[in-house]
Protein backbone atom coordinates (compact mmCIF):
# COMPACT_ATOMS: atom_id res chain seq x y z
CA UNK A 1 3.41 5.18 18.23
CA UNK A 2 1.51 4.70 14.98
CA UNK A 3 3.75 4.02 12.01
CA UNK A 4 6.97 3.76 14.07
CA UNK A 5 9.24 0.74 14.02
CA UNK A 6 12.74 0.22 15.31
CA UNK A 7 15.57 1.56 13.17
CA UNK A 8 17.71 -1.38 14.29
CA UNK A 9 15.62 -3.86 12.32
CA UNK A 10 17.53 -5.94 9.78
CA UNK A 11 17.50 -4.40 6.32
CA UNK A 12 14.72 -5.82 4.15
CA UNK A 13 15.68 -7.97 1.19
CA UNK A 14 15.52 -5.71 -1.87
CA UNK A 15 12.12 -5.86 -3.50
CA UNK A 16 12.97 -3.89 -6.61
CA UNK A 17 16.22 -3.66 -8.50
CA UNK A 18 16.60 -1.43 -11.56
CA UNK A 19 16.30 -3.76 -14.55
CA UNK A 20 19.58 -4.41 -16.34
CA UNK A 21 17.99 -4.95 -19.73
CA UNK A 22 16.44 -1.51 -20.13
CA UNK A 23 18.06 1.09 -22.31
CA UNK A 24 20.52 3.02 -20.19
CA UNK A 25 19.58 1.15 -17.02
CA UNK A 26 22.44 -1.32 -16.93
CA UNK A 27 24.86 -3.46 -18.88
CA UNK A 28 23.66 -5.86 -21.56
CA UNK A 29 25.57 -8.15 -23.89
CA UNK A 30 27.60 -6.20 -26.40
CA UNK A 31 27.25 -2.85 -24.62
CA UNK A 32 29.67 -0.77 -22.57
CA UNK A 33 29.33 -0.73 -18.78
CA UNK A 34 28.09 2.60 -17.34
CA UNK A 35 30.90 4.96 -16.36
CA UNK A 36 29.32 6.05 -13.07
CA UNK A 37 27.39 4.64 -10.14
CA UNK A 38 23.63 4.20 -10.22
CA UNK A 39 21.51 7.03 -8.85
CA UNK A 40 18.73 5.09 -7.11
CA UNK A 41 16.25 7.96 -7.45
CA UNK A 42 16.59 8.62 -11.19
CA UNK A 43 17.86 5.37 -12.72
CA UNK A 44 20.77 7.24 -14.29
CA UNK A 45 24.40 6.32 -13.77
CA UNK A 46 25.43 9.85 -12.88
CA UNK A 47 27.20 9.39 -9.54
CA UNK A 48 30.98 9.55 -9.74
CA UNK A 49 32.75 6.19 -9.32
CA UNK A 50 33.68 5.59 -5.70
CA UNK A 51 31.76 8.52 -4.20
CA UNK A 52 29.13 8.22 -1.49
CA UNK A 53 25.89 6.51 -2.46
CA UNK A 54 24.09 7.44 0.77
CA UNK A 55 21.26 9.93 0.17
CA UNK A 56 20.81 13.23 1.94
CA UNK A 57 17.46 14.93 2.54
CA UNK A 58 16.80 18.55 3.44
CA UNK A 59 13.61 20.09 4.81
CA UNK A 60 12.52 23.17 2.84
CA UNK A 61 9.69 25.61 3.58
CA UNK A 62 6.85 25.81 1.05
CA UNK A 63 4.42 28.46 2.25
CA UNK A 64 3.87 31.37 -0.13
CA UNK A 65 6.46 33.50 1.65
CA UNK A 66 9.13 30.83 1.18
CA UNK A 67 8.82 30.73 -2.59
CA UNK A 68 10.82 30.86 -4.76
CA UNK A 69 13.14 28.45 -2.96
CA UNK A 70 16.82 27.90 -3.63
CA UNK A 71 18.05 24.53 -4.91
CA UNK A 72 14.79 22.56 -5.15
CA UNK A 73 15.10 22.19 -8.92
CA UNK A 74 18.33 20.22 -8.46
CA UNK A 75 16.96 17.53 -6.12
CA UNK A 76 16.78 13.93 -7.36
CA UNK A 77 13.43 13.34 -5.65
CA UNK A 78 10.96 15.69 -3.95
CA UNK A 79 8.35 14.81 -1.34
CA UNK A 80 5.57 17.26 -0.41
CA UNK A 81 3.05 16.87 2.42
CA UNK A 82 0.87 19.00 4.68
CA UNK A 83 2.43 19.80 8.04
CA UNK A 84 0.09 22.28 9.76
CA UNK A 85 -2.61 24.83 9.04
CA UNK A 86 -3.00 23.66 5.46
CA UNK A 87 0.63 24.56 4.69
CA UNK A 88 2.89 21.98 3.06
CA UNK A 89 6.60 21.40 3.42
CA UNK A 90 8.97 19.79 0.93
CA UNK A 91 11.74 17.26 1.57
CA UNK A 92 14.42 17.60 -1.09
CA UNK A 93 16.24 14.28 -1.54
CA UNK A 94 19.66 14.09 -3.17
CA UNK A 95 21.47 10.89 -4.13
CA UNK A 96 24.39 12.08 -2.01
CA UNK A 97 25.59 15.25 -0.30
CA UNK A 98 27.88 16.25 -3.17
CA UNK A 99 24.81 16.77 -5.40
CA UNK A 100 23.42 19.47 -3.11
CA UNK A 101 23.94 22.91 -4.69
CA UNK A 102 25.86 25.83 -3.18
CA UNK A 103 22.62 27.32 -1.89
CA UNK A 104 19.50 25.54 -0.68
CA UNK A 105 16.89 27.46 1.32
CA UNK A 106 14.85 28.25 3.26
CA UNK A 107 15.67 25.25 5.46
CA UNK A 108 12.91 24.53 7.97
CA UNK A 109 12.02 22.19 10.78
CA UNK A 110 11.69 18.42 10.99
CA UNK A 111 8.18 16.97 10.93
CA UNK A 112 7.12 13.39 11.72
CA UNK A 113 6.03 12.13 8.25
CA UNK A 114 9.31 13.25 6.71
CA UNK A 115 11.29 11.75 9.58
CA UNK A 116 9.62 8.38 8.95
CA UNK A 117 10.39 8.57 5.23
CA UNK A 118 13.96 9.61 6.02
CA UNK A 119 14.30 6.47 8.12
CA UNK A 120 12.99 4.26 5.30
CA UNK A 121 15.31 5.83 2.71
CA UNK A 122 18.37 5.71 5.01
CA UNK A 123 19.18 9.37 4.38
CA UNK A 124 21.27 11.80 6.37
CA UNK A 125 18.48 14.17 7.45
CA UNK A 126 19.14 17.93 7.47
CA UNK A 127 16.68 20.30 9.16
CA UNK A 128 16.46 23.49 11.19
CA UNK A 129 14.78 22.67 14.49
CA UNK A 130 11.59 20.63 14.57
CA UNK A 131 8.19 20.00 16.08
CA UNK A 132 8.39 18.29 19.49
CA UNK A 133 7.21 15.00 17.98
CA UNK A 134 9.53 15.32 14.99
CA UNK A 135 12.59 15.86 17.18
CA UNK A 136 11.51 13.05 19.49
CA UNK A 137 11.25 10.67 16.54
CA UNK A 138 14.70 11.61 15.23
CA UNK A 139 16.12 10.65 18.61
CA UNK A 140 14.01 7.51 19.03
CA UNK A 141 14.77 6.23 15.55
CA UNK A 142 18.47 7.12 15.92
CA UNK A 143 18.63 8.94 12.61
CA UNK A 144 21.85 10.51 11.38
CA UNK A 145 20.60 14.09 11.45
CA UNK A 146 22.04 17.59 11.11
CA UNK A 147 20.11 20.26 13.04
CA UNK A 148 20.77 23.86 12.02
CA UNK A 149 19.59 25.17 15.39
CA UNK A 150 22.75 23.76 16.99
CA UNK A 151 25.12 23.83 14.00
CA UNK A 152 26.26 27.28 12.92
CA UNK A 153 29.13 25.78 10.89
CA UNK A 154 26.80 23.98 8.48
CA UNK A 155 23.95 26.51 8.25
CA UNK A 156 23.87 30.27 8.05
CA UNK A 157 21.30 33.06 8.00
CA UNK A 158 21.28 34.66 4.57
CA UNK A 159 21.04 38.46 4.93
CA UNK A 160 18.96 38.94 1.78
CA UNK A 161 16.45 36.25 2.79
CA UNK A 162 16.27 37.65 6.30
CA UNK A 163 15.43 41.07 4.94
CA UNK A 164 12.90 39.95 2.31
CA UNK A 165 11.34 36.84 3.88
CA UNK A 166 12.01 37.20 7.61
CA UNK A 167 14.10 35.32 10.15
CA UNK A 168 12.12 32.06 9.93
CA UNK A 169 12.83 31.81 6.20
CA UNK A 170 16.49 32.82 6.17
CA UNK A 171 18.33 29.56 7.02
CA UNK A 172 20.55 28.30 4.21
CA UNK A 173 23.09 25.52 3.71
CA UNK A 174 25.21 24.02 0.93
CA UNK A 175 26.47 20.70 -0.35
CA UNK A 176 30.04 21.60 0.61
CA UNK A 177 29.13 22.39 4.20
CA UNK A 178 26.89 19.32 4.53
CA UNK A 179 29.64 17.06 3.16
CA UNK A 180 32.10 18.49 5.67
CA UNK A 181 29.62 18.00 8.52
CA UNK A 182 29.03 14.37 7.54
CA UNK A 183 32.79 13.81 7.63
CA UNK A 184 33.15 15.49 11.05
CA UNK A 185 30.32 13.38 12.46
CA UNK A 186 31.73 10.22 10.88
CA UNK A 187 28.30 9.40 9.50
CA UNK A 188 28.15 6.37 7.25
CA UNK A 189 28.53 7.32 3.57
CA UNK A 190 27.24 4.11 1.97
CA UNK A 191 23.86 2.39 1.96
CA UNK A 192 22.54 -0.98 0.91
CA UNK A 193 19.02 0.35 0.33
CA UNK A 194 17.63 0.09 -3.18
CA UNK A 195 15.31 2.33 -5.15
CA UNK A 196 11.66 2.61 -4.06
CA UNK A 197 10.74 1.86 -7.68
CA UNK A 198 12.26 0.25 -10.75
CA UNK A 199 13.17 1.88 -14.06
CA UNK A 200 12.26 0.35 -17.37
CA UNK A 201 8.99 -0.29 -19.17
CA UNK A 202 6.22 2.10 -18.08
CA UNK A 203 2.76 0.50 -18.23
CA UNK A 204 0.38 3.40 -17.69
CA UNK A 205 -2.87 3.37 -19.68
CA UNK A 206 -5.03 5.92 -17.84
CA UNK A 207 -5.37 9.66 -18.36
CA UNK A 208 -2.16 11.32 -17.29
CA UNK A 209 -1.26 14.46 -19.17
CA UNK A 210 -2.40 16.60 -16.23
CA UNK A 211 -3.14 16.03 -12.56
CA UNK A 212 -4.52 18.34 -9.89
CA UNK A 213 -3.87 17.37 -6.27
CA UNK A 214 -5.41 18.91 -3.15
CA UNK A 215 -3.23 18.75 -0.03
CA UNK A 216 -5.57 20.98 1.98
CA UNK A 217 -7.96 23.88 1.65
CA UNK A 218 -4.93 26.15 1.44
CA UNK A 219 -2.69 24.17 -0.90
CA UNK A 220 -3.59 22.72 -4.28
CA UNK A 221 -0.96 21.87 -6.90
CA UNK A 222 -1.00 20.50 -10.41
CA UNK A 223 1.43 18.92 -12.83
CA UNK A 224 1.24 19.28 -16.60
CA UNK A 225 3.08 17.03 -19.04
CA UNK A 226 5.54 18.53 -21.51
CA UNK A 227 5.84 15.86 -24.20
CA UNK A 228 8.78 17.56 -25.89
CA UNK A 229 10.87 17.35 -22.72
CA UNK A 230 9.28 14.23 -21.26
CA UNK A 231 8.63 15.87 -17.89
CA UNK A 232 5.76 17.13 -15.76
CA UNK A 233 6.01 20.81 -14.91
CA UNK A 234 4.78 21.75 -11.44
CA UNK A 235 2.30 24.53 -10.75
CA UNK A 236 0.72 25.88 -7.57
CA UNK A 237 -3.04 26.29 -7.63
CA UNK A 238 -5.79 24.62 -9.64
CA UNK A 239 -5.48 23.73 -13.32
CA UNK A 240 -7.73 26.68 -14.11
CA UNK A 241 -5.55 29.18 -12.24
CA UNK A 242 -2.07 27.72 -12.11
CA UNK A 243 1.12 29.58 -11.20
CA UNK A 244 4.41 28.01 -12.21
CA UNK A 245 6.43 26.79 -9.21
CA UNK A 246 9.88 28.14 -9.93
CA UNK A 247 13.14 28.00 -8.03
CA UNK A 248 15.08 31.17 -7.23
CA UNK A 249 17.16 30.69 -10.39
CA UNK A 250 14.00 30.83 -12.52
CA UNK A 251 13.85 27.11 -13.32
CA UNK A 252 10.39 25.60 -13.03
CA UNK A 253 10.18 22.50 -10.85
CA UNK A 254 9.67 19.43 -13.02
CA UNK A 255 9.92 15.66 -12.83
CA UNK A 256 9.78 12.71 -15.19
CA UNK A 257 7.40 10.94 -12.80
CA UNK A 258 4.70 12.04 -10.35
CA UNK A 259 3.46 9.78 -7.55
CA UNK A 260 0.50 10.54 -5.28
CA UNK A 261 0.35 8.52 -2.05
CA UNK A 262 -2.97 8.49 -0.19
CA UNK A 263 -2.81 7.88 3.56
CA UNK A 264 -4.62 8.53 6.84
CA UNK A 265 -3.74 11.91 8.31
CA UNK A 266 -4.03 12.64 12.03
CA UNK A 267 -3.35 15.51 14.43
CA UNK A 268 -0.31 14.80 16.55
CA UNK A 269 -1.99 16.27 19.63
CA UNK A 270 -3.72 12.89 19.90
CA UNK A 271 -0.37 11.27 20.74
CA UNK A 272 1.47 14.27 22.19
CA UNK A 273 -0.46 17.23 23.70
CA UNK A 274 2.41 19.64 22.92
CA UNK A 275 1.71 19.17 19.20
CA UNK A 276 -1.55 21.08 18.96
CA UNK A 277 -1.48 21.93 15.28
CA UNK A 278 0.95 19.59 13.52
CA UNK A 279 -0.15 16.71 11.33
CA UNK A 280 1.31 13.33 10.60
CA UNK A 281 0.42 10.28 8.52
CA UNK A 282 0.28 6.58 9.44
CA UNK A 283 2.77 5.68 6.69
CA UNK A 284 2.31 1.92 6.78
CA UNK A 285 0.71 1.13 3.42
CA UNK A 286 -1.88 2.44 1.03
CA UNK A 287 -2.98 3.18 -2.52
CA UNK A 288 -2.16 5.93 -4.96
CA UNK A 289 -1.63 6.92 -8.56
CA UNK A 290 1.52 7.35 -10.63
CA UNK A 291 2.03 9.40 -13.80
CA UNK A 292 4.78 9.10 -16.38
CA UNK A 293 5.04 9.71 -20.11
CA UNK A 294 1.62 11.35 -20.28
CA UNK A 295 -0.36 8.40 -18.85
CA UNK A 296 -1.23 7.12 -15.38
CA UNK A 297 -1.82 3.91 -13.47
CA UNK A 298 -3.16 2.98 -10.04
CA UNK A 299 -0.51 1.88 -7.57
CA UNK A 300 0.08 0.55 -4.06
CA UNK A 301 2.79 1.58 -1.62
CA UNK A 302 4.34 0.17 1.55
CA UNK A 303 6.66 1.72 4.11
CA UNK A 304 8.72 -0.08 6.75
CA UNK A 305 11.66 1.05 8.87
CA UNK A 306 14.03 -0.08 6.13
CA UNK A 307 12.13 0.43 2.90
CA UNK A 308 9.70 2.55 0.92
CA UNK A 309 8.36 0.61 -2.05
CA UNK A 310 5.78 0.94 -4.80
CA UNK A 311 3.94 -1.65 -6.87
CA UNK A 312 1.33 -1.56 -9.60
CA UNK A 313 -2.27 -2.41 -8.79
CA UNK A 314 -1.52 -6.14 -9.25
CA UNK A 315 1.37 -6.10 -6.81
CA UNK A 316 4.20 -6.16 -9.35
CA UNK A 317 7.14 -3.78 -8.79
CA UNK A 318 6.31 -0.33 -10.17
CA UNK A 319 8.51 0.54 -13.15
CA UNK A 320 8.95 4.22 -14.02
CA UNK A 321 10.69 6.14 -16.76
CA UNK A 322 14.17 7.29 -15.82
CA UNK A 323 14.45 10.73 -14.27
CA UNK A 324 13.36 12.65 -11.19
CA UNK A 325 10.21 11.78 -9.25
CA UNK A 326 7.90 14.14 -7.36
CA UNK A 327 5.91 12.47 -4.55
CA UNK A 328 2.77 14.01 -3.04
CA UNK A 329 1.67 12.56 0.32
CA UNK A 330 -2.04 13.37 0.57
CA UNK A 331 -4.79 12.64 3.06
CA UNK A 332 -7.22 9.93 1.90
CA UNK A 333 -10.03 12.39 2.63
CA UNK A 334 -8.90 14.39 -0.43
CA UNK A 335 -8.54 11.45 -2.81
CA UNK A 336 -11.86 12.23 -4.48
CA UNK A 337 -10.58 15.76 -5.21
CA UNK A 338 -7.79 14.52 -7.46
CA UNK A 339 -8.33 15.52 -11.10
CA UNK A 340 -6.73 13.48 -13.90
CA UNK A 341 -6.85 14.60 -17.53
C-alpha cells in the first residue's frame, strides 16, 4: 500500500529537539527551569508536571454545514486536507487528552491521510466510523483508536446539533470522556516522539503576511497575519471574498505558524474498489512553504511510520516561532494556485 509502513518499526532517532537556548524554550544558565512539561506542538511548557505527554487527535467535519465547529480553537495543532468531493476534513491535535475541551464536534470518520499522520505522531486517534480504507489502515497499523460508532460512553449525539445540522453532524465528545476511555483501554499515556519542528529563530525572508491555499474547486482558504497578536487568522474563501472561520464560541481560528505540505493525491478506488470517492495522499516526502511572523520560507517534509518532520530548503531542521501551527495538506496539482503576499 503506498505510504504505509509497519507501526512496529523502531522509533526513529529524534531529528529535531526544541532548542534550549531560545527565550522560553528551555533552561539556560542563570534562569529558572520551566514549571511544566514541554508541549511538543507549541514549544510552550504548559503541560502539568507528571501528566500524560501522549497526544490525542480528533477527526472533525469541515463542510459548510459543519461550521462553526466546537473546540477547534483550542487545539494545539490543526491539519486540514481534502477527503472527498472537494470537501476537507480537519484533524484537531491536542498535546494530551486533558487539553480537549468539554465539547468538540462534529466528530466525523477516519480517513487514510489522517490515519497515516496519526501513526507518525503517535496519537490516540478519535473518530466516528471511517471509510473502508481508513478503518482497514487503523487495524493494519495497530493504532490506539477510539471509534464513536461502537463507543456510546465516550461519544454522544448532541440534540441541538442533530436538529440544526442533521444526524451526521451531531456526534460530540469531551476531554473528560476521552481521558476515561484511555484509562479503561489501558492505552499508553507517554510517548518518546519529538516535535515535527523546532522552536527558536525563525528565518523566513519571503512574502508571508497573507496566503491563499486551494484544496479543491470547492474549498479555498486563506490566512492573514495579525502583527499585534503575532498570529495568522484563518478565513474560508479567497483573499478577495474571505469569511472568518470561527468556532462555535465565536473565536476565530488562528495559529502562530502556517505550513502547507504539497503531495501527490490519488483516488483510493485504485487500491480498494469500495472507496469510489475518497482521496488519500502518498505521504512519504515532499516540498512546501511555511509562514511565521509575517514572512515565509520554502520547506521540505518527510513522513515515516514513527516521525513527521520538517526542514528548511537546505535540509536544516525547520525552526518556528512558539505557538500553534495550522497544517494544510494540498495536492501538488494546486501548488501553482497558492498566493503569497
